[in-house]
Amino acid sequence: MRPRLHLVPPESEPPPGVEPRSFEQLYEAHFAFSWRVLRHLGLGGTALGDGCQELWLAVHRRLPTLELRCDVRTWLFGIAINVARNHRRTEARRGAGAELPLELPSTELDPEARHAAREVWGNVQRFLDTCDDTDRWIFVFNVLEELSAGETARALGVDVSSVYQRVRVLKRAVKKWLQE
């Protein structure tokens, strides 16, 4: 079950250019995305839940003054990058915590399919752990979350052609990794 945040939404009108959604609507629409992205960016254990909370607190703080010049998921991904980076630094200093599930609980898959999916995602996560931060971010944003190369380039501040080139290299590398 998705945790419920008990925060008071901003009372003021959103500034021009902001997607006309309340905090609650953003949370409902994009919580699963934020959970997946943080997990793919390397958060595990108790840091995953803490990271989600930190991300949504940042959204709540920034929402009243937000001038959104990109897709909401691009904006959330940028926040997730910072949250994941901060949590991984903290974890490195303190040591790892207990592991949480690799995915949100679901009743859609039978136990065998769930086991196979976890095994594949575990392999993908181990591959991502071998990547540098930029490659990891490109792979998560473009390949796993299926956002465009343009959105990926804008979110990371890199050239679109670099994204295309890195995605080709990363797809070959993950295929080789999974075969081994």
N, C-alpha and C. Protein backbone atom coordinates (compact mmCIF):
# COMPACT_ATOMS: atom_id res chain seq x y z
N MET A 1 0.84 -1.18 0.00
CA MET A 1 0.00 0.00 0.00
C MET A 1 0.88 1.23 0.00
N ARG A 2 0.50 2.22 -0.76
CA ARG A 2 1.24 3.45 -0.90
C ARG A 2 1.09 4.28 0.37
N PRO A 3 2.21 4.81 0.92
CA PRO A 3 2.10 5.63 2.11
C PRO A 3 1.34 6.91 1.81
N ARG A 4 0.56 7.37 2.75
CA ARG A 4 -0.19 8.61 2.59
C ARG A 4 0.58 9.72 3.28
N LEU A 5 0.78 10.81 2.59
CA LEU A 5 1.43 11.98 3.18
C LEU A 5 0.34 12.88 3.73
N HIS A 6 0.54 13.40 4.89
CA HIS A 6 -0.42 14.30 5.51
C HIS A 6 0.17 15.71 5.52
N LEU A 7 0.15 16.32 4.34
CA LEU A 7 0.69 17.65 4.19
C LEU A 7 -0.43 18.57 3.71
N VAL A 8 -0.36 19.82 4.09
CA VAL A 8 -1.36 20.79 3.66
C VAL A 8 -0.94 21.32 2.30
N PRO A 9 -1.81 21.23 1.26
CA PRO A 9 -1.41 21.73 -0.05
C PRO A 9 -1.31 23.25 -0.05
N PRO A 10 -0.55 23.82 -0.97
CA PRO A 10 -0.43 25.28 -1.02
C PRO A 10 -1.77 25.91 -1.33
N GLU A 11 -2.05 27.07 -0.70
CA GLU A 11 -3.33 27.74 -0.87
C GLU A 11 -3.34 28.68 -2.06
N SER A 12 -2.17 29.14 -2.52
CA SER A 12 -2.12 30.13 -3.59
C SER A 12 -2.33 29.48 -4.95
N GLU A 13 -2.69 30.32 -5.93
CA GLU A 13 -2.84 29.85 -7.30
C GLU A 13 -1.45 29.51 -7.84
N PRO A 14 -1.36 28.47 -8.67
CA PRO A 14 -0.04 28.16 -9.25
C PRO A 14 0.38 29.24 -10.23
N PRO A 15 1.67 29.54 -10.30
CA PRO A 15 2.16 30.54 -11.24
C PRO A 15 1.94 30.10 -12.68
N PRO A 16 1.98 31.03 -13.64
CA PRO A 16 1.81 30.65 -15.04
C PRO A 16 2.86 29.64 -15.48
N GLY A 17 2.47 28.71 -16.33
CA GLY A 17 3.40 27.69 -16.83
C GLY A 17 3.43 26.43 -15.99
N VAL A 18 2.76 26.42 -14.85
CA VAL A 18 2.74 25.24 -13.99
C VAL A 18 1.55 24.37 -14.36
N GLU A 19 1.79 23.09 -14.40
CA GLU A 19 0.70 22.16 -14.67
C GLU A 19 -0.37 22.36 -13.60
N PRO A 20 -1.63 22.58 -13.98
CA PRO A 20 -2.66 22.91 -12.98
C PRO A 20 -3.10 21.67 -12.20
N ARG A 21 -2.26 21.19 -11.33
CA ARG A 21 -2.56 20.04 -10.50
C ARG A 21 -2.24 20.36 -9.06
N SER A 22 -2.98 19.76 -8.18
CA SER A 22 -2.69 19.91 -6.76
C SER A 22 -1.60 18.92 -6.38
N PHE A 23 -1.07 19.10 -5.20
CA PHE A 23 -0.06 18.18 -4.69
C PHE A 23 -0.61 16.76 -4.66
N GLU A 24 -1.84 16.61 -4.17
CA GLU A 24 -2.44 15.29 -4.05
C GLU A 24 -2.57 14.61 -5.41
N GLN A 25 -2.95 15.37 -6.44
CA GLN A 25 -3.07 14.80 -7.78
C GLN A 25 -1.71 14.38 -8.33
N LEU A 26 -0.69 15.20 -8.11
CA LEU A 26 0.66 14.83 -8.54
C LEU A 26 1.13 13.57 -7.82
N TYR A 27 0.88 13.52 -6.53
CA TYR A 27 1.29 12.37 -5.72
C TYR A 27 0.60 11.10 -6.22
N GLU A 28 -0.69 11.16 -6.43
CA GLU A 28 -1.43 9.98 -6.91
C GLU A 28 -0.96 9.54 -8.29
N ALA A 29 -0.72 10.51 -9.17
CA ALA A 29 -0.36 10.19 -10.55
C ALA A 29 1.09 9.71 -10.70
N HIS A 30 1.99 10.17 -9.83
CA HIS A 30 3.42 9.93 -10.07
C HIS A 30 4.15 9.22 -8.93
N PHE A 31 3.43 8.73 -7.91
CA PHE A 31 4.13 8.07 -6.82
C PHE A 31 4.85 6.81 -7.30
N ALA A 32 4.17 5.97 -8.07
CA ALA A 32 4.79 4.72 -8.54
C ALA A 32 6.03 5.03 -9.38
N PHE A 33 5.96 6.07 -10.20
CA PHE A 33 7.11 6.50 -11.00
C PHE A 33 8.28 6.87 -10.10
N SER A 34 8.00 7.67 -9.06
CA SER A 34 9.08 8.11 -8.17
C SER A 34 9.70 6.92 -7.43
N TRP A 35 8.88 5.97 -7.00
CA TRP A 35 9.37 4.76 -6.31
C TRP A 35 10.29 3.97 -7.24
N ARG A 36 9.83 3.73 -8.49
CA ARG A 36 10.64 2.97 -9.45
C ARG A 36 11.95 3.68 -9.75
N VAL A 37 11.88 4.98 -10.00
CA VAL A 37 13.08 5.72 -10.36
C VAL A 37 14.09 5.68 -9.22
N LEU A 38 13.66 5.91 -8.00
CA LEU A 38 14.59 5.87 -6.87
C LEU A 38 15.19 4.48 -6.70
N ARG A 39 14.38 3.44 -6.91
CA ARG A 39 14.89 2.07 -6.82
C ARG A 39 15.93 1.82 -7.90
N HIS A 40 15.63 2.27 -9.13
CA HIS A 40 16.57 2.09 -10.24
C HIS A 40 17.83 2.92 -10.05
N LEU A 41 17.72 4.02 -9.35
CA LEU A 41 18.90 4.86 -9.11
C LEU A 41 19.76 4.35 -7.97
N GLY A 42 19.40 3.20 -7.43
CA GLY A 42 20.28 2.55 -6.47
C GLY A 42 19.85 2.59 -5.03
N LEU A 43 18.69 3.16 -4.73
CA LEU A 43 18.25 3.17 -3.34
C LEU A 43 17.63 1.82 -3.02
N GLY A 44 18.01 1.29 -1.91
CA GLY A 44 17.46 0.03 -1.43
C GLY A 44 17.30 0.12 0.06
N GLY A 45 16.79 -0.92 0.61
CA GLY A 45 16.64 -0.95 2.06
C GLY A 45 15.70 0.15 2.53
N THR A 46 15.98 0.63 3.71
CA THR A 46 15.14 1.68 4.29
C THR A 46 15.30 3.00 3.56
N ALA A 47 16.38 3.16 2.80
CA ALA A 47 16.61 4.41 2.07
C ALA A 47 15.56 4.63 0.99
N LEU A 48 14.96 3.57 0.46
CA LEU A 48 13.97 3.72 -0.59
C LEU A 48 12.73 4.45 -0.08
N GLY A 49 12.21 4.01 1.05
CA GLY A 49 11.06 4.70 1.64
C GLY A 49 11.41 6.12 2.08
N ASP A 50 12.58 6.27 2.69
CA ASP A 50 13.03 7.60 3.11
C ASP A 50 13.22 8.52 1.90
N GLY A 51 13.78 7.96 0.83
CA GLY A 51 14.02 8.74 -0.37
C GLY A 51 12.72 9.21 -1.00
N CYS A 52 11.71 8.33 -1.03
CA CYS A 52 10.40 8.72 -1.57
C CYS A 52 9.80 9.86 -0.74
N GLN A 53 9.90 9.72 0.56
CA GLN A 53 9.36 10.78 1.42
C GLN A 53 10.11 12.09 1.18
N GLU A 54 11.42 12.02 1.09
CA GLU A 54 12.22 13.22 0.86
C GLU A 54 11.87 13.86 -0.49
N LEU A 55 11.70 13.03 -1.52
CA LEU A 55 11.33 13.55 -2.83
C LEU A 55 10.01 14.29 -2.78
N TRP A 56 9.00 13.68 -2.14
CA TRP A 56 7.67 14.31 -2.12
C TRP A 56 7.61 15.51 -1.19
N LEU A 57 8.45 15.55 -0.18
CA LEU A 57 8.54 16.76 0.63
C LEU A 57 9.15 17.90 -0.19
N ALA A 58 10.15 17.57 -1.01
CA ALA A 58 10.74 18.59 -1.89
C ALA A 58 9.71 19.09 -2.90
N VAL A 59 8.91 18.19 -3.44
CA VAL A 59 7.85 18.59 -4.37
C VAL A 59 6.88 19.54 -3.67
N HIS A 60 6.49 19.19 -2.47
CA HIS A 60 5.54 20.02 -1.73
C HIS A 60 6.12 21.41 -1.46
N ARG A 61 7.41 21.48 -1.11
CA ARG A 61 8.06 22.76 -0.85
C ARG A 61 8.14 23.60 -2.12
N ARG A 62 8.46 22.98 -3.25
CA ARG A 62 8.72 23.72 -4.48
C ARG A 62 7.46 24.02 -5.29
N LEU A 63 6.39 23.30 -5.07
CA LEU A 63 5.20 23.43 -5.89
C LEU A 63 4.63 24.85 -5.96
N PRO A 64 4.56 25.61 -4.85
CA PRO A 64 3.98 26.96 -4.94
C PRO A 64 4.77 27.92 -5.83
N THR A 65 6.06 27.72 -5.98
CA THR A 65 6.89 28.65 -6.76
C THR A 65 7.39 28.03 -8.06
N LEU A 66 6.84 26.90 -8.41
CA LEU A 66 7.33 26.15 -9.56
C LEU A 66 6.92 26.80 -10.87
N GLU A 67 7.89 26.99 -11.75
CA GLU A 67 7.63 27.40 -13.13
C GLU A 67 8.10 26.24 -13.98
N LEU A 68 7.19 25.34 -14.29
CA LEU A 68 7.53 24.09 -14.97
C LEU A 68 7.78 24.34 -16.45
N ARG A 69 9.01 24.12 -16.88
CA ARG A 69 9.39 24.29 -18.28
C ARG A 69 9.63 22.95 -18.96
N CYS A 70 9.24 21.87 -18.30
CA CYS A 70 9.44 20.53 -18.84
C CYS A 70 8.30 19.64 -18.33
N ASP A 71 8.32 18.40 -18.75
CA ASP A 71 7.35 17.43 -18.30
C ASP A 71 7.50 17.21 -16.79
N VAL A 72 6.40 16.92 -16.12
CA VAL A 72 6.43 16.70 -14.66
C VAL A 72 7.39 15.57 -14.31
N ARG A 73 7.37 14.49 -15.12
CA ARG A 73 8.25 13.36 -14.81
C ARG A 73 9.71 13.76 -14.95
N THR A 74 10.05 14.64 -15.89
CA THR A 74 11.42 15.13 -16.02
C THR A 74 11.83 15.88 -14.76
N TRP A 75 10.92 16.73 -14.28
CA TRP A 75 11.19 17.50 -13.05
C TRP A 75 11.36 16.56 -11.87
N LEU A 76 10.47 15.56 -11.74
CA LEU A 76 10.58 14.59 -10.64
C LEU A 76 11.87 13.79 -10.74
N PHE A 77 12.26 13.45 -11.96
CA PHE A 77 13.49 12.69 -12.15
C PHE A 77 14.69 13.49 -11.66
N GLY A 78 14.71 14.80 -11.95
CA GLY A 78 15.80 15.65 -11.46
C GLY A 78 15.88 15.67 -9.95
N ILE A 79 14.72 15.75 -9.30
CA ILE A 79 14.69 15.71 -7.84
C ILE A 79 15.17 14.34 -7.35
N ALA A 80 14.72 13.27 -8.03
CA ALA A 80 15.11 11.91 -7.64
C ALA A 80 16.62 11.71 -7.74
N ILE A 81 17.24 12.28 -8.75
CA ILE A 81 18.70 12.17 -8.89
C ILE A 81 19.38 12.75 -7.66
N ASN A 82 18.95 13.94 -7.25
CA ASN A 82 19.56 14.56 -6.06
C ASN A 82 19.30 13.77 -4.80
N VAL A 83 18.08 13.28 -4.63
CA VAL A 83 17.73 12.49 -3.45
C VAL A 83 18.56 11.21 -3.42
N ALA A 84 18.65 10.51 -4.56
CA ALA A 84 19.42 9.26 -4.60
C ALA A 84 20.89 9.50 -4.32
N ARG A 85 21.43 10.56 -4.89
CA ARG A 85 22.84 10.89 -4.67
C ARG A 85 23.10 11.14 -3.19
N ASN A 86 22.24 11.94 -2.56
CA ASN A 86 22.42 12.24 -1.14
C ASN A 86 22.28 10.99 -0.27
N HIS A 87 21.29 10.15 -0.56
CA HIS A 87 21.11 8.94 0.24
C HIS A 87 22.25 7.96 0.05
N ARG A 88 22.75 7.82 -1.18
CA ARG A 88 23.86 6.89 -1.39
C ARG A 88 25.11 7.36 -0.66
N ARG A 89 25.33 8.68 -0.64
CA ARG A 89 26.48 9.21 0.11
C ARG A 89 26.33 8.90 1.60
N THR A 90 25.14 9.13 2.11
CA THR A 90 24.88 8.86 3.53
C THR A 90 25.04 7.37 3.83
N GLU A 91 24.48 6.52 2.97
CA GLU A 91 24.59 5.06 3.17
C GLU A 91 26.05 4.62 3.15
N ALA A 92 26.84 5.22 2.27
CA ALA A 92 28.26 4.84 2.18
C ALA A 92 28.98 5.17 3.48
N ARG A 93 28.57 6.27 4.12
CA ARG A 93 29.22 6.63 5.39
C ARG A 93 28.74 5.75 6.54
N ARG A 94 27.45 5.39 6.53
CA ARG A 94 26.88 4.64 7.65
C ARG A 94 26.87 3.14 7.45
N GLY A 95 26.82 2.67 6.23
CA GLY A 95 26.65 1.25 5.94
C GLY A 95 25.22 1.00 5.49
N ALA A 96 25.00 -0.12 4.85
CA ALA A 96 23.69 -0.43 4.26
C ALA A 96 22.68 -0.86 5.31
N GLY A 97 21.40 -0.60 5.02
CA GLY A 97 20.30 -1.01 5.89
C GLY A 97 19.64 -2.27 5.37
N ALA A 98 18.50 -2.61 5.94
CA ALA A 98 17.76 -3.79 5.51
C ALA A 98 17.15 -3.56 4.14
N GLU A 99 17.11 -4.60 3.32
CA GLU A 99 16.57 -4.51 1.97
C GLU A 99 15.05 -4.50 1.98
N LEU A 100 14.47 -3.65 1.12
CA LEU A 100 13.03 -3.65 0.87
C LEU A 100 12.79 -4.37 -0.45
N PRO A 101 11.55 -4.70 -0.75
CA PRO A 101 11.27 -5.38 -2.02
C PRO A 101 11.74 -4.56 -3.21
N LEU A 102 12.07 -5.25 -4.31
CA LEU A 102 12.54 -4.58 -5.51
C LEU A 102 11.44 -3.81 -6.23
N GLU A 103 10.19 -4.16 -5.96
CA GLU A 103 9.08 -3.50 -6.63
C GLU A 103 7.94 -3.31 -5.65
N LEU A 104 6.99 -2.47 -6.02
CA LEU A 104 5.81 -2.30 -5.19
C LEU A 104 5.02 -3.60 -5.18
N PRO A 105 4.42 -3.96 -4.05
CA PRO A 105 3.64 -5.19 -4.00
C PRO A 105 2.51 -5.16 -5.03
N SER A 106 2.27 -6.30 -5.67
CA SER A 106 1.23 -6.38 -6.68
C SER A 106 0.57 -7.74 -6.59
N THR A 107 -0.73 -7.77 -6.84
CA THR A 107 -1.46 -9.05 -6.85
C THR A 107 -1.66 -9.54 -8.28
N GLU A 108 -1.09 -8.83 -9.26
CA GLU A 108 -1.29 -9.18 -10.67
C GLU A 108 -0.48 -10.40 -11.11
N LEU A 109 0.68 -10.64 -10.57
CA LEU A 109 1.54 -11.73 -11.02
C LEU A 109 1.41 -12.95 -10.13
N ASP A 110 1.51 -14.12 -10.75
CA ASP A 110 1.54 -15.34 -9.96
C ASP A 110 2.94 -15.46 -9.34
N PRO A 111 3.11 -16.33 -8.36
CA PRO A 111 4.40 -16.41 -7.66
C PRO A 111 5.59 -16.73 -8.58
N GLU A 112 5.40 -17.60 -9.56
CA GLU A 112 6.51 -17.94 -10.46
C GLU A 112 6.91 -16.74 -11.32
N ALA A 113 5.92 -16.04 -11.85
CA ALA A 113 6.21 -14.87 -12.68
C ALA A 113 6.86 -13.78 -11.83
N ARG A 114 6.40 -13.62 -10.61
CA ARG A 114 6.99 -12.62 -9.72
C ARG A 114 8.45 -12.96 -9.43
N HIS A 115 8.73 -14.25 -9.19
CA HIS A 115 10.10 -14.68 -8.92
C HIS A 115 10.99 -14.42 -10.14
N ALA A 116 10.50 -14.76 -11.33
CA ALA A 116 11.27 -14.53 -12.55
C ALA A 116 11.53 -13.05 -12.76
N ALA A 117 10.50 -12.24 -12.53
CA ALA A 117 10.65 -10.79 -12.69
C ALA A 117 11.67 -10.23 -11.70
N ARG A 118 11.61 -10.69 -10.46
CA ARG A 118 12.57 -10.21 -9.46
C ARG A 118 13.99 -10.61 -9.83
N GLU A 119 14.13 -11.81 -10.37
CA GLU A 119 15.46 -12.27 -10.77
C GLU A 119 16.02 -11.39 -11.89
N VAL A 120 15.19 -11.10 -12.89
CA VAL A 120 15.63 -10.24 -13.98
C VAL A 120 15.95 -8.84 -13.46
N TRP A 121 15.05 -8.27 -12.65
CA TRP A 121 15.30 -6.92 -12.12
C TRP A 121 16.52 -6.90 -11.22
N GLY A 122 16.75 -7.98 -10.49
CA GLY A 122 17.96 -8.04 -9.67
C GLY A 122 19.20 -7.98 -10.54
N ASN A 123 19.17 -8.70 -11.67
CA ASN A 123 20.30 -8.66 -12.60
C ASN A 123 20.47 -7.27 -13.20
N VAL A 124 19.36 -6.64 -13.57
CA VAL A 124 19.43 -5.28 -14.12
C VAL A 124 19.99 -4.33 -13.06
N GLN A 125 19.55 -4.47 -11.82
CA GLN A 125 20.06 -3.60 -10.75
C GLN A 125 21.55 -3.81 -10.53
N ARG A 126 22.01 -5.06 -10.59
CA ARG A 126 23.45 -5.31 -10.45
C ARG A 126 24.22 -4.68 -11.61
N PHE A 127 23.65 -4.74 -12.82
CA PHE A 127 24.28 -4.06 -13.96
C PHE A 127 24.35 -2.56 -13.70
N LEU A 128 23.24 -1.97 -13.26
CA LEU A 128 23.22 -0.53 -13.01
C LEU A 128 24.23 -0.13 -11.94
N ASP A 129 24.47 -1.02 -10.97
CA ASP A 129 25.45 -0.73 -9.93
C ASP A 129 26.87 -0.62 -10.48
N THR A 130 27.11 -1.21 -11.68
CA THR A 130 28.44 -1.13 -12.29
C THR A 130 28.61 0.13 -13.13
N CYS A 131 27.50 0.84 -13.41
CA CYS A 131 27.54 2.04 -14.27
C CYS A 131 27.91 3.28 -13.45
N ASP A 132 28.50 4.26 -14.14
CA ASP A 132 28.70 5.54 -13.47
C ASP A 132 27.34 6.24 -13.39
N ASP A 133 27.27 7.32 -12.62
CA ASP A 133 25.99 7.99 -12.37
C ASP A 133 25.30 8.44 -13.65
N THR A 134 26.02 9.07 -14.56
CA THR A 134 25.38 9.59 -15.77
C THR A 134 24.82 8.46 -16.62
N ASP A 135 25.58 7.39 -16.81
CA ASP A 135 25.07 6.25 -17.58
C ASP A 135 23.85 5.63 -16.90
N ARG A 136 23.91 5.53 -15.58
CA ARG A 136 22.77 4.98 -14.83
C ARG A 136 21.53 5.84 -15.05
N TRP A 137 21.68 7.15 -14.95
CA TRP A 137 20.55 8.06 -15.10
C TRP A 137 19.98 7.97 -16.51
N ILE A 138 20.85 7.93 -17.51
CA ILE A 138 20.39 7.82 -18.90
C ILE A 138 19.63 6.52 -19.10
N PHE A 139 20.17 5.41 -18.59
CA PHE A 139 19.52 4.11 -18.75
C PHE A 139 18.15 4.08 -18.07
N VAL A 140 18.08 4.57 -16.85
CA VAL A 140 16.81 4.57 -16.11
C VAL A 140 15.79 5.45 -16.82
N PHE A 141 16.18 6.65 -17.14
CA PHE A 141 15.23 7.61 -17.68
C PHE A 141 14.77 7.23 -19.08
N ASN A 142 15.70 6.85 -19.95
CA ASN A 142 15.36 6.60 -21.34
C ASN A 142 14.92 5.16 -21.59
N VAL A 143 15.61 4.18 -21.05
CA VAL A 143 15.31 2.78 -21.34
C VAL A 143 14.23 2.23 -20.41
N LEU A 144 14.41 2.36 -19.12
CA LEU A 144 13.46 1.76 -18.19
C LEU A 144 12.16 2.55 -18.10
N GLU A 145 12.24 3.87 -18.04
CA GLU A 145 11.03 4.69 -17.91
C GLU A 145 10.48 5.14 -19.27
N GLU A 146 11.19 4.80 -20.35
CA GLU A 146 10.75 5.03 -21.72
C GLU A 146 10.41 6.49 -22.02
N LEU A 147 11.21 7.40 -21.50
CA LEU A 147 11.04 8.80 -21.84
C LEU A 147 11.96 9.13 -23.02
N SER A 148 11.63 10.17 -23.73
CA SER A 148 12.35 10.49 -24.97
C SER A 148 13.81 10.89 -24.69
N ALA A 149 14.60 10.81 -25.75
CA ALA A 149 16.00 11.23 -25.64
C ALA A 149 16.07 12.73 -25.36
N GLY A 150 15.14 13.49 -25.92
CA GLY A 150 15.10 14.93 -25.66
C GLY A 150 14.84 15.24 -24.20
N GLU A 151 13.86 14.54 -23.61
CA GLU A 151 13.57 14.74 -22.19
C GLU A 151 14.75 14.33 -21.33
N THR A 152 15.38 13.22 -21.69
CA THR A 152 16.54 12.75 -20.95
C THR A 152 17.67 13.77 -21.03
N ALA A 153 17.91 14.28 -22.23
CA ALA A 153 18.99 15.27 -22.41
C ALA A 153 18.71 16.53 -21.61
N ARG A 154 17.46 17.02 -21.63
CA ARG A 154 17.12 18.22 -20.86
C ARG A 154 17.28 17.98 -19.36
N ALA A 155 16.83 16.81 -18.89
CA ALA A 155 16.91 16.52 -17.45
C ALA A 155 18.35 16.45 -16.97
N LEU A 156 19.25 15.95 -17.81
CA LEU A 156 20.64 15.76 -17.40
C LEU A 156 21.57 16.85 -17.89
N GLY A 157 21.07 17.74 -18.73
CA GLY A 157 21.90 18.82 -19.24
C GLY A 157 22.98 18.34 -20.19
N VAL A 158 22.65 17.35 -21.02
CA VAL A 158 23.60 16.84 -22.01
C VAL A 158 22.99 16.96 -23.40
N ASP A 159 23.80 16.72 -24.41
CA ASP A 159 23.38 16.80 -25.79
C ASP A 159 22.53 15.57 -26.15
N VAL A 160 21.50 15.76 -26.99
CA VAL A 160 20.61 14.67 -27.39
C VAL A 160 21.39 13.57 -28.10
N SER A 161 22.34 13.95 -28.95
CA SER A 161 23.11 12.92 -29.66
C SER A 161 23.93 12.07 -28.69
N SER A 162 24.38 12.67 -27.59
CA SER A 162 25.10 11.91 -26.56
C SER A 162 24.19 10.89 -25.92
N VAL A 163 22.93 11.26 -25.71
CA VAL A 163 21.98 10.33 -25.11
C VAL A 163 21.78 9.13 -26.03
N TYR A 164 21.55 9.39 -27.33
CA TYR A 164 21.36 8.30 -28.28
C TYR A 164 22.58 7.37 -28.30
N GLN A 165 23.76 7.96 -28.33
CA GLN A 165 24.98 7.16 -28.38
C GLN A 165 25.15 6.33 -27.11
N ARG A 166 24.94 6.95 -25.93
CA ARG A 166 25.09 6.24 -24.67
C ARG A 166 24.05 5.13 -24.53
N VAL A 167 22.82 5.38 -25.00
CA VAL A 167 21.78 4.35 -24.91
C VAL A 167 22.16 3.13 -25.75
N ARG A 168 22.69 3.35 -26.96
CA ARG A 168 23.12 2.21 -27.78
C ARG A 168 24.19 1.40 -27.07
N VAL A 169 25.18 2.10 -26.52
CA VAL A 169 26.27 1.43 -25.82
C VAL A 169 25.73 0.68 -24.59
N LEU A 170 24.86 1.32 -23.83
CA LEU A 170 24.31 0.71 -22.61
C LEU A 170 23.44 -0.50 -22.92
N LYS A 171 22.65 -0.44 -23.98
CA LYS A 171 21.82 -1.60 -24.35
C LYS A 171 22.69 -2.80 -24.71
N ARG A 172 23.76 -2.55 -25.45
CA ARG A 172 24.68 -3.66 -25.77
C ARG A 172 25.33 -4.20 -24.50
N ALA A 173 25.72 -3.29 -23.60
CA ALA A 173 26.40 -3.70 -22.37
C ALA A 173 25.47 -4.52 -21.46
N VAL A 174 24.20 -4.08 -21.32
CA VAL A 174 23.29 -4.83 -20.46
C VAL A 174 22.96 -6.18 -21.07
N LYS A 175 22.85 -6.25 -22.40
CA LYS A 175 22.59 -7.54 -23.06
C LYS A 175 23.74 -8.50 -22.79
N LYS A 176 24.96 -8.01 -22.94
CA LYS A 176 26.15 -8.83 -22.66
C LYS A 176 26.18 -9.25 -21.19
N TRP A 177 25.87 -8.29 -20.30
CA TRP A 177 25.85 -8.56 -18.85
C TRP A 177 24.86 -9.67 -18.52
N LEU A 178 23.66 -9.60 -19.08
CA LEU A 178 22.62 -10.60 -18.80
C LEU A 178 22.96 -11.96 -19.38
N GLN A 179 23.66 -12.00 -20.51
CA GLN A 179 24.06 -13.27 -21.11
C GLN A 179 25.12 -13.96 -20.28
N GLU A 180 25.98 -13.18 -19.65
CA GLU A 180 27.06 -13.76 -18.83
C GLU A 180 26.47 -14.22 -17.52
